[in-house]
Structures are given as C-alpha cells and as structure tokens.
C-alpha atoms as a PDB file:
ATOM      1  CA  MET A   1     -21.184 -49.685  -7.838  1.00  0.00           C
ATOM      2  CA  SER A   2     -17.475 -49.530  -7.024  1.00  0.00           C
ATOM      3  CA  ASN A   3     -15.873 -46.841  -4.820  1.00  0.00           C
ATOM      4  CA  LYS A   4     -12.365 -47.563  -6.037  1.00  0.00           C
ATOM      5  CA  VAL A   5     -10.217 -44.731  -7.357  1.00  0.00           C
ATOM      6  CA  LYS A   6      -8.293 -45.384 -10.524  1.00  0.00           C
ATOM      7  CA  GLU A   7      -4.615 -44.685 -10.039  1.00  0.00           C
ATOM      8  CA  THR A   8      -2.725 -43.158 -12.932  1.00  0.00           C
ATOM      9  CA  ASP A   9       0.567 -41.375 -13.630  1.00  0.00           C
ATOM     10  CA  GLU A  10      -1.112 -38.965 -16.052  1.00  0.00           C
ATOM     11  CA  LYS A  11      -1.411 -35.326 -15.074  1.00  0.00           C
ATOM     12  CA  PRO A  12      -4.914 -33.913 -15.286  1.00  0.00           C
ATOM     13  CA  LYS A  13      -5.543 -31.839 -18.398  1.00  0.00           C
ATOM     14  CA  ARG A  14      -6.156 -28.159 -17.811  1.00  0.00           C
ATOM     15  CA  SER A  15      -9.109 -26.568 -19.425  1.00  0.00           C
ATOM     16  CA  PHE A  16      -9.476 -22.815 -19.495  1.00  0.00           C
ATOM     17  CA  PRO A  17     -13.046 -21.493 -19.550  1.00  0.00           C
ATOM     18  CA  GLY A  18     -13.986 -19.480 -22.607  1.00  0.00           C
ATOM     19  CA  GLY A  19     -10.760 -20.397 -24.363  1.00  0.00           C
ATOM     20  CA  ALA A  20      -8.681 -18.298 -21.972  1.00  0.00           C
ATOM     21  CA  GLY A  21      -4.953 -18.977 -21.815  1.00  0.00           C
ATOM     22  CA  PRO A  22      -2.666 -19.584 -18.845  1.00  0.00           C
ATOM     23  CA  GLY A  23      -2.377 -15.865 -18.068  1.00  0.00           C
ATOM     24  CA  ARG A  24       0.274 -13.189 -18.226  1.00  0.00           C
ATOM     25  CA  PRO A  25       3.874 -14.437 -18.265  1.00  0.00           C
ATOM     26  CA  LYS A  26       5.973 -13.759 -15.163  1.00  0.00           C
ATOM     27  CA  GLY A  27       7.721 -10.396 -15.143  1.00  0.00           C
ATOM     28  CA  ILE A  28       5.207  -8.652 -17.415  1.00  0.00           C
ATOM     29  CA  PRO A  29       3.602  -5.810 -15.434  1.00  0.00           C
ATOM     30  CA  ASN A  30      -0.150  -5.578 -15.146  1.00  0.00           C
ATOM     31  CA  LYS A  31      -1.428  -2.885 -17.543  1.00  0.00           C
ATOM     32  CA  MET A  32      -3.760  -1.429 -14.919  1.00  0.00           C
ATOM     33  CA  THR A  33      -0.962  -1.224 -12.325  1.00  0.00           C
ATOM     34  CA  THR A  34       1.295   0.503 -14.847  1.00  0.00           C
ATOM     35  CA  SER A  35      -1.352   3.045 -15.851  1.00  0.00           C
ATOM     36  CA  VAL A  36      -2.234   3.787 -12.214  1.00  0.00           C
ATOM     37  CA  LYS A  37       1.447   4.325 -11.354  1.00  0.00           C
ATOM     38  CA  ASP A  38       1.792   6.650 -14.356  1.00  0.00           C
ATOM     39  CA  ALA A  39      -1.273   8.628 -13.245  1.00  0.00           C
ATOM     40  CA  ILE A  40       0.045   8.977  -9.700  1.00  0.00           C
ATOM     41  CA  ALA A  41       3.468  10.084 -10.991  1.00  0.00           C
ATOM     42  CA  LYS A  42       1.827  12.714 -13.222  1.00  0.00           C
ATOM     43  CA  ALA A  43      -0.325  13.988 -10.337  1.00  0.00           C
ATOM     44  CA  ALA A  44       2.723  14.184  -8.060  1.00  0.00           C
ATOM     45  CA  ASN A  45       4.608  16.133 -10.725  1.00  0.00           C
ATOM     46  CA  ASP A  46       1.672  18.496 -11.294  1.00  0.00           C
ATOM     47  CA  LEU A  47       1.422  19.102  -7.534  1.00  0.00           C
ATOM     48  CA  GLY A  48       4.987  20.364  -7.375  1.00  0.00           C
ATOM     49  CA  GLY A  49       7.159  17.273  -7.617  1.00  0.00           C
ATOM     50  CA  PRO A  50       9.997  16.596  -5.177  1.00  0.00           C
ATOM     51  CA  GLU A  51      10.229  20.219  -4.049  1.00  0.00           C
ATOM     52  CA  ARG A  52       6.584  20.212  -2.940  1.00  0.00           C
ATOM     53  CA  LEU A  53       7.025  16.861  -1.204  1.00  0.00           C
ATOM     54  CA  VAL A  54       9.883  18.334   0.836  1.00  0.00           C
ATOM     55  CA  GLU A  55       7.763  21.412   1.678  1.00  0.00           C
ATOM     56  CA  TRP A  56       4.894  19.160   2.758  1.00  0.00           C
ATOM     57  CA  ALA A  57       7.147  17.035   4.956  1.00  0.00           C
ATOM     58  CA  LYS A  58       8.534  20.155   6.659  1.00  0.00           C
ATOM     59  CA  GLU A  59       5.071  21.706   7.252  1.00  0.00           C
ATOM     60  CA  ASP A  60       4.234  19.416  10.156  1.00  0.00           C
ATOM     61  CA  PRO A  61       6.140  16.815  12.184  1.00  0.00           C
ATOM     62  CA  LEU A  62       3.339  14.321  11.449  1.00  0.00           C
ATOM     63  CA  ASN A  63       3.910  14.819   7.722  1.00  0.00           C
ATOM     64  CA  GLU A  64       7.614  14.126   8.130  1.00  0.00           C
ATOM     65  CA  ARG A  65       6.787  11.050  10.175  1.00  0.00           C
ATOM     66  CA  ALA A  66       4.419   9.857   7.421  1.00  0.00           C
ATOM     67  CA  PHE A  67       7.194  10.389   4.866  1.00  0.00           C
ATOM     68  CA  TRP A  68       9.744   8.321   6.783  1.00  0.00           C
ATOM     69  CA  THR A  69       7.337   5.568   7.883  1.00  0.00           C
ATOM     70  CA  SER A  70       5.033   5.182   4.860  1.00  0.00           C
ATOM     71  CA  ILE A  71       6.530   6.762   1.755  1.00  0.00           C
ATOM     72  CA  TYR A  72      10.295   6.268   1.968  1.00  0.00           C
ATOM     73  CA  PRO A  73      10.202   2.556   2.929  1.00  0.00           C
ATOM     74  CA  LYS A  74       8.537   1.788  -0.416  1.00  0.00           C
ATOM     75  CA  LEU A  75      11.906   2.579  -2.038  1.00  0.00           C
ATOM     76  CA  LEU A  76      13.824   0.111   0.112  1.00  0.00           C
ATOM     77  CA  PRO A  77      14.437  -3.468  -1.030  1.00  0.00           C
ATOM     78  CA  LEU A  78      12.145  -6.085   0.498  1.00  0.00           C
ATOM     79  CA  THR A  79      15.034  -8.357   1.443  1.00  0.00           C
ATOM     80  CA  VAL A  80      18.242  -7.287   3.087  1.00  0.00           C
ATOM     81  CA  ALA A  81      20.975  -9.882   2.912  1.00  0.00           C
ATOM     82  CA  GLY A  82      24.532  -9.957   4.071  1.00  0.00           C
ATOM     83  CA  ASP A  83      27.603 -11.305   2.397  1.00  0.00           C
ATOM     84  CA  LYS A  84      29.075 -14.682   3.394  1.00  0.00           C
ATOM     85  CA  ASP A  85      32.393 -12.973   4.180  1.00  0.00           C
ATOM     86  CA  GLU A  86      30.772  -9.949   5.834  1.00  0.00           C
ATOM     87  CA  PRO A  87      27.448 -10.920   7.432  1.00  0.00           C
ATOM     88  CA  LEU A  88      24.992  -8.262   8.522  1.00  0.00           C
ATOM     89  CA  ARG A  89      25.487  -7.036  12.042  1.00  0.00           C
ATOM     90  CA  VAL A  90      22.439  -6.091  14.086  1.00  0.00           C
ATOM     91  CA  GLU A  91      22.981  -3.702  16.953  1.00  0.00           C
ATOM     92  CA  ILE A  92      20.225  -2.836  19.405  1.00  0.00           C
ATOM     93  CA  VAL A  93      20.551   0.596  20.957  1.00  0.00           C
ATOM     94  CA  ARG A  94      18.296   1.687  23.788  1.00  0.00           C
ATOM     95  CA  TYR A  95      17.516   5.339  24.335  1.00  0.00           C
ATOM     96  CA  GLY A  96      15.732   7.050  27.183  1.00  0.00           C
ATOM     97  CA  LEU A  97      15.909   4.206  29.661  1.00  0.00           C
ATOM     98  CA  ASN A  98      16.526   4.786  33.320  1.00  0.00           C
ATOM     99  CA  PRO A  99      20.260   3.976  33.833  1.00  0.00           C
ATOM    100  CA  GLN A 100      19.545   2.726  37.390  1.00  0.00           C
ATOM    101  CA  ARG A 101      17.211   0.019  36.044  1.00  0.00           C
ATOM    102  CA  GLU A 102      19.761  -1.463  33.619  1.00  0.00           C
END
C-alpha cells in the first residue's frame, strides 16, 4: 500500500447534500430577519412610535442611558473613515480630574 498523495491542479468538485444549491446570493436579506424586523417595527409603532420612545427615555435616567448606549448606536455606520485631504481628528478630553495631578 502506498501513502503517496496524488498532486493535481484540479479543484475539488462541490457536492451539495439533498440537491441543495450554493445558498442565498450576497445582498439578499434573510426572509426571517426581514419578517422579524417588520414585526418589531409594527410593535414599536403600536406602542406609541417615536413619541413614546422619547417619553420612555425621559422617564428615567437609566432609560435615557440605554437609548444612547444601546439603541442609538445601531443607527451609526460601522466604519468611520476620513478623507485623504481631511483626515479624521481624534481629540481626547478629560473631565473631572484633579488639576494638581496633571
């Protein structure tokens, strides 16, 4: 018996179990994700929409904190990039530090 591996330039053939295809094309949303988002949007609307969300955020400082830290960031882009001519500038500001220790 030989333990040699046959070298070849051929790509292995893909076989999909049960005749399944390669899957959903890129950019096509998952049907379940779309229906869940629609259900959540309907529930939010039925609960009072944006006006109720503002009321809720103002009811308690913890609610407002949850809005700014968990809800609002979902609207922000995942990547922030600068322009070659005007790069992003990061400025670190410290608050509440003892001025004698600086």
